[in-house]
Amino acid sequence: MRLGKGTILPGGLSPGSPTSTPENSPTSIPEDSPTSKAGGVLASVDPILKDEVNQLIQEKKLRVDGLPDVLAEYQGSRTKELEITLLPNDSGLKEANILASLVIDKNGNFQQAMVINIEPTILSSETSIYEQALNKIFKQESFVGAYNEDSSRPELSNLYLRIRIEPINSQ
């Protein structure tokens, strides 16, 4: 089952457009990645726009006290790769569709990833493993902190993402 169809980004931008930074582009290879890959996961990242966040709140799928006028923004690559060896156990990650919240501070620094929903639901017992993987994926990424129209910035805000996890090079 496949979920999370891509949505058109505002202003006619598409993933991998020239606005992504060269060092975080989908074609770049991290310098510290091993040359022989025993396996890993590919994470496809799709930020959720404010209208959809509001819809999820109305549907009671998200519980949020209040949203800033402008949500935090993810500046990194829409496709991320993570080596299995970086994960705490050897079982690896199974294919999953995740609704996640990233906690971003007022300066745009990543603080923590939280899994709100994971499908298939059989993976619910492994939520903490997926959260650890998401924390590794996003800890070095670039973000823009949320703000309000009056120029105030909340100390912490949530950035909601749909993330598709797919195993790669598995044997």
C-alpha atoms as a PDB file:
ATOM      1  CA  MET A   1       0.000   0.000   0.000  1.00  0.00           C
ATOM      2  CA  ARG A   2       1.403   3.434  -0.903  1.00  0.00           C
ATOM      3  CA  LEU A   3       0.329   6.612   0.817  1.00  0.00           C
ATOM      4  CA  GLY A   4       1.532  10.200   0.820  1.00  0.00           C
ATOM      5  CA  LYS A   5       1.122  11.433  -2.715  1.00  0.00           C
ATOM      6  CA  GLY A   6       3.319  14.456  -3.381  1.00  0.00           C
ATOM      7  CA  THR A   7       1.817  17.896  -3.149  1.00  0.00           C
ATOM      8  CA  ILE A   8       2.747  20.899  -5.250  1.00  0.00           C
ATOM      9  CA  LEU A   9       4.955  23.273  -3.327  1.00  0.00           C
ATOM     10  CA  PRO A  10       4.044  26.952  -3.074  1.00  0.00           C
ATOM     11  CA  GLY A  11       5.347  29.257  -5.770  1.00  0.00           C
ATOM     12  CA  GLY A  12       5.642  26.473  -8.322  1.00  0.00           C
ATOM     13  CA  LEU A  13       8.780  25.013  -6.749  1.00  0.00           C
ATOM     14  CA  SER A  14       9.372  21.304  -7.041  1.00  0.00           C
ATOM     15  CA  PRO A  15      11.570  19.036  -4.896  1.00  0.00           C
ATOM     16  CA  GLY A  16      15.180  19.306  -5.974  1.00  0.00           C
ATOM     17  CA  SER A  17      14.660  22.783  -7.408  1.00  0.00           C
ATOM     18  CA  PRO A  18      17.593  25.196  -7.438  1.00  0.00           C
ATOM     19  CA  THR A  19      16.528  26.521  -4.022  1.00  0.00           C
ATOM     20  CA  SER A  20      17.931  23.411  -2.321  1.00  0.00           C
ATOM     21  CA  THR A  21      21.486  23.848  -1.140  1.00  0.00           C
ATOM     22  CA  PRO A  22      24.129  22.047  -3.215  1.00  0.00           C
ATOM     23  CA  GLU A  23      25.580  20.161  -0.248  1.00  0.00           C
ATOM     24  CA  ASN A  24      22.127  18.823   0.616  1.00  0.00           C
ATOM     25  CA  SER A  25      21.015  18.055  -2.923  1.00  0.00           C
ATOM     26  CA  PRO A  26      19.662  14.559  -3.597  1.00  0.00           C
ATOM     27  CA  THR A  27      22.631  13.791  -5.844  1.00  0.00           C
ATOM     28  CA  SER A  28      25.324  14.597  -3.268  1.00  0.00           C
ATOM     29  CA  ILE A  29      26.964  11.778  -1.324  1.00  0.00           C
ATOM     30  CA  PRO A  30      27.830  12.425   2.331  1.00  0.00           C
ATOM     31  CA  GLU A  31      31.596  12.405   2.795  1.00  0.00           C
ATOM     32  CA  ASP A  32      31.441  10.173   5.831  1.00  0.00           C
ATOM     33  CA  SER A  33      29.334   7.441   4.202  1.00  0.00           C
ATOM     34  CA  PRO A  34      30.959   4.023   3.871  1.00  0.00           C
ATOM     35  CA  THR A  35      31.861   2.963   0.359  1.00  0.00           C
ATOM     36  CA  SER A  36      30.350  -0.503   0.715  1.00  0.00           C
ATOM     37  CA  LYS A  37      26.730  -0.381   1.733  1.00  0.00           C
ATOM     38  CA  ALA A  38      25.370  -3.372   3.613  1.00  0.00           C
ATOM     39  CA  GLY A  39      21.965  -1.753   3.534  1.00  0.00           C
ATOM     40  CA  GLY A  40      20.198   1.323   4.659  1.00  0.00           C
ATOM     41  CA  VAL A  41      17.010   3.232   4.339  1.00  0.00           C
ATOM     42  CA  LEU A  42      15.856   5.967   2.046  1.00  0.00           C
ATOM     43  CA  ALA A  43      13.602   8.583   3.617  1.00  0.00           C
ATOM     44  CA  SER A  44      11.447  10.699   1.310  1.00  0.00           C
ATOM     45  CA  VAL A  45      10.433  13.914   3.078  1.00  0.00           C
ATOM     46  CA  ASP A  46       7.258  15.845   2.272  1.00  0.00           C
ATOM     47  CA  PRO A  47       6.539  18.907   4.461  1.00  0.00           C
ATOM     48  CA  ILE A  48       2.884  19.461   5.289  1.00  0.00           C
ATOM     49  CA  LEU A  49       1.544  22.921   4.456  1.00  0.00           C
ATOM     50  CA  LYS A  50      -0.371  24.941   7.056  1.00  0.00           C
ATOM     51  CA  ASP A  51      -3.767  24.338   5.405  1.00  0.00           C
ATOM     52  CA  GLU A  52      -3.314  20.574   5.723  1.00  0.00           C
ATOM     53  CA  VAL A  53      -2.077  20.938   9.322  1.00  0.00           C
ATOM     54  CA  ASN A  54      -5.272  22.874  10.117  1.00  0.00           C
ATOM     55  CA  GLN A  55      -7.321  20.130   8.433  1.00  0.00           C
ATOM     56  CA  LEU A  56      -5.562  17.423  10.493  1.00  0.00           C
ATOM     57  CA  ILE A  57      -6.313  19.422  13.656  1.00  0.00           C
ATOM     58  CA  GLN A  58     -10.002  19.655  12.712  1.00  0.00           C
ATOM     59  CA  GLU A  59     -10.066  15.903  12.043  1.00  0.00           C
ATOM     60  CA  LYS A  60      -8.580  15.396  15.553  1.00  0.00           C
ATOM     61  CA  LYS A  61      -5.511  13.689  14.048  1.00  0.00           C
ATOM     62  CA  LEU A  62      -3.270  16.381  15.554  1.00  0.00           C
ATOM     63  CA  ARG A  63      -3.593  18.076  18.915  1.00  0.00           C
ATOM     64  CA  VAL A  64      -2.083  21.525  18.809  1.00  0.00           C
ATOM     65  CA  ASP A  65      -2.651  24.382  21.246  1.00  0.00           C
ATOM     66  CA  GLY A  66      -1.920  27.041  18.669  1.00  0.00           C
ATOM     67  CA  LEU A  67       0.022  27.470  15.489  1.00  0.00           C
ATOM     68  CA  PRO A  68       2.346  30.336  14.685  1.00  0.00           C
ATOM     69  CA  ASP A  69       1.343  32.478  11.712  1.00  0.00           C
ATOM     70  CA  VAL A  70       4.208  31.024   9.652  1.00  0.00           C
ATOM     71  CA  LEU A  71       5.279  27.441  10.340  1.00  0.00           C
ATOM     72  CA  ALA A  72       8.900  26.383  10.638  1.00  0.00           C
ATOM     73  CA  GLU A  73      10.361  25.433   7.270  1.00  0.00           C
ATOM     74  CA  TYR A  74      12.599  22.534   6.254  1.00  0.00           C
ATOM     75  CA  GLN A  75      15.514  23.655   4.050  1.00  0.00           C
ATOM     76  CA  GLY A  76      17.173  20.290   3.388  1.00  0.00           C
ATOM     77  CA  SER A  77      16.962  17.616   0.732  1.00  0.00           C
ATOM     78  CA  ARG A  78      13.634  15.891   0.098  1.00  0.00           C
ATOM     79  CA  THR A  79      15.442  12.545  -0.034  1.00  0.00           C
ATOM     80  CA  LYS A  80      17.723  11.376   2.775  1.00  0.00           C
ATOM     81  CA  GLU A  81      19.743   8.191   3.125  1.00  0.00           C
ATOM     82  CA  LEU A  82      20.611   6.550   6.436  1.00  0.00           C
ATOM     83  CA  GLU A  83      22.969   3.625   6.942  1.00  0.00           C
ATOM     84  CA  ILE A  84      21.603   0.720   8.991  1.00  0.00           C
ATOM     85  CA  THR A  85      24.858   0.723  10.978  1.00  0.00           C
ATOM     86  CA  LEU A  86      23.843   4.061  12.471  1.00  0.00           C
ATOM     87  CA  LEU A  87      20.748   2.513  14.012  1.00  0.00           C
ATOM     88  CA  PRO A  88      20.688   1.058  17.546  1.00  0.00           C
ATOM     89  CA  ASN A  89      19.703  -2.472  16.502  1.00  0.00           C
ATOM     90  CA  ASP A  90      20.453  -4.755  13.590  1.00  0.00           C
ATOM     91  CA  SER A  91      16.880  -5.454  12.582  1.00  0.00           C
ATOM     92  CA  GLY A  92      16.743  -2.386  10.357  1.00  0.00           C
ATOM     93  CA  LEU A  93      13.700  -0.363   9.460  1.00  0.00           C
ATOM     94  CA  LYS A  94      10.797  -1.756   7.530  1.00  0.00           C
ATOM     95  CA  GLU A  95       8.924   0.115   4.826  1.00  0.00           C
ATOM     96  CA  ALA A  96       6.665   2.685   6.510  1.00  0.00           C
ATOM     97  CA  ASN A  97       4.657   5.855   6.023  1.00  0.00           C
ATOM     98  CA  ILE A  98       5.119   8.235   8.919  1.00  0.00           C
ATOM     99  CA  LEU A  99       3.398  11.406  10.046  1.00  0.00           C
ATOM    100  CA  ALA A 100       6.059  13.111  12.137  1.00  0.00           C
ATOM    101  CA  SER A 101       6.546  16.303  14.071  1.00  0.00           C
ATOM    102  CA  LEU A 102       9.976  17.893  14.248  1.00  0.00           C
ATOM    103  CA  VAL A 103      10.519  20.292  17.131  1.00  0.00           C
ATOM    104  CA  ILE A 104      12.379  23.368  15.850  1.00  0.00           C
ATOM    105  CA  ASP A 105      13.592  26.206  18.080  1.00  0.00           C
ATOM    106  CA  LYS A 106      13.160  29.906  17.327  1.00  0.00           C
ATOM    107  CA  ASN A 107      16.594  30.030  15.665  1.00  0.00           C
ATOM    108  CA  GLY A 108      15.748  27.203  13.260  1.00  0.00           C
ATOM    109  CA  ASN A 109      17.715  24.521  15.121  1.00  0.00           C
ATOM    110  CA  PHE A 110      16.398  20.962  15.158  1.00  0.00           C
ATOM    111  CA  GLN A 111      15.582  19.691  18.659  1.00  0.00           C
ATOM    112  CA  GLN A 112      13.670  16.411  18.397  1.00  0.00           C
ATOM    113  CA  ALA A 113      11.616  14.189  16.079  1.00  0.00           C
ATOM    114  CA  MET A 114       8.367  12.575  17.191  1.00  0.00           C
ATOM    115  CA  VAL A 115       6.316   9.981  15.314  1.00  0.00           C
ATOM    116  CA  ILE A 116       2.625  10.940  15.421  1.00  0.00           C
ATOM    117  CA  ASN A 117       1.358   8.104  13.239  1.00  0.00           C
ATOM    118  CA  ILE A 118       3.004   5.161  11.503  1.00  0.00           C
ATOM    119  CA  GLU A 119       1.581   2.814   8.877  1.00  0.00           C
ATOM    120  CA  PRO A 120       1.343  -0.091   8.700  1.00  0.00           C
ATOM    121  CA  THR A 121       0.046  -0.011  12.273  1.00  0.00           C
ATOM    122  CA  ILE A 122       1.885  -3.254  13.081  1.00  0.00           C
ATOM    123  CA  LEU A 123       5.016  -1.048  13.348  1.00  0.00           C
ATOM    124  CA  SER A 124       3.513   1.000  16.218  1.00  0.00           C
ATOM    125  CA  SER A 125       5.515  -1.025  18.737  1.00  0.00           C
ATOM    126  CA  GLU A 126       8.712   0.097  16.977  1.00  0.00           C
ATOM    127  CA  THR A 127       7.930   3.829  17.048  1.00  0.00           C
ATOM    128  CA  SER A 128      10.969   4.631  19.222  1.00  0.00           C
ATOM    129  CA  ILE A 129      13.327   3.011  16.671  1.00  0.00           C
ATOM    130  CA  TYR A 130      11.856   5.158  13.894  1.00  0.00           C
ATOM    131  CA  GLU A 131      12.138   8.263  16.102  1.00  0.00           C
ATOM    132  CA  GLN A 132      15.839   7.501  16.684  1.00  0.00           C
ATOM    133  CA  ALA A 133      16.349   7.161  12.933  1.00  0.00           C
ATOM    134  CA  LEU A 134      14.515  10.452  12.265  1.00  0.00           C
ATOM    135  CA  ASN A 135      16.622  12.194  14.911  1.00  0.00           C
ATOM    136  CA  LYS A 136      19.776  10.995  13.122  1.00  0.00           C
ATOM    137  CA  ILE A 137      18.422  12.034   9.723  1.00  0.00           C
ATOM    138  CA  PHE A 138      17.437  15.581  10.740  1.00  0.00           C
ATOM    139  CA  LYS A 139      19.994  16.551  13.411  1.00  0.00           C
ATOM    140  CA  GLN A 140      22.341  18.243  10.907  1.00  0.00           C
ATOM    141  CA  GLU A 141      19.645  19.675   8.632  1.00  0.00           C
ATOM    142  CA  SER A 142      18.770  23.323   8.046  1.00  0.00           C
ATOM    143  CA  PHE A 143      15.466  24.856   9.110  1.00  0.00           C
ATOM    144  CA  VAL A 144      13.886  28.276   9.357  1.00  0.00           C
ATOM    145  CA  GLY A 145      12.180  28.884  12.698  1.00  0.00           C
ATOM    146  CA  ALA A 146       8.476  29.653  12.901  1.00  0.00           C
ATOM    147  CA  TYR A 147       7.299  33.211  13.464  1.00  0.00           C
ATOM    148  CA  ASN A 148       4.194  35.336  13.851  1.00  0.00           C
ATOM    149  CA  GLU A 149       3.054  38.340  11.831  1.00  0.00           C
ATOM    150  CA  ASP A 150       4.052  40.601  14.747  1.00  0.00           C
ATOM    151  CA  SER A 151       7.678  39.349  14.284  1.00  0.00           C
ATOM    152  CA  SER A 152       7.589  37.347  17.521  1.00  0.00           C
ATOM    153  CA  ARG A 153       9.091  33.880  17.427  1.00  0.00           C
ATOM    154  CA  PRO A 154       7.864  30.982  19.568  1.00  0.00           C
ATOM    155  CA  GLU A 155      10.661  29.342  21.593  1.00  0.00           C
ATOM    156  CA  LEU A 156       9.736  25.964  20.077  1.00  0.00           C
ATOM    157  CA  SER A 157       7.399  25.032  17.247  1.00  0.00           C
ATOM    158  CA  ASN A 158       6.413  21.899  15.370  1.00  0.00           C
ATOM    159  CA  LEU A 159       7.151  21.208  11.736  1.00  0.00           C
ATOM    160  CA  TYR A 160       4.896  18.451  10.428  1.00  0.00           C
ATOM    161  CA  LEU A 161       6.203  16.091   7.761  1.00  0.00           C
ATOM    162  CA  ARG A 162       5.108  12.994   5.902  1.00  0.00           C
ATOM    163  CA  ILE A 163       8.052  10.656   5.608  1.00  0.00           C
ATOM    164  CA  ARG A 164       8.240   7.532   3.501  1.00  0.00           C
ATOM    165  CA  ILE A 165      10.858   5.030   4.729  1.00  0.00           C
ATOM    166  CA  GLU A 166      12.068   2.440   2.211  1.00  0.00           C
ATOM    167  CA  PRO A 167      14.847  -0.102   2.744  1.00  0.00           C
ATOM    168  CA  ILE A 168      17.628   0.016   0.127  1.00  0.00           C
ATOM    169  CA  ASN A 169      20.359  -2.467  -0.812  1.00  0.00           C
ATOM    170  CA  SER A 170      18.874  -5.070   1.525  1.00  0.00           C
ATOM    171  CA  GLN A 171      20.028  -8.620   1.043  1.00  0.00           C
END
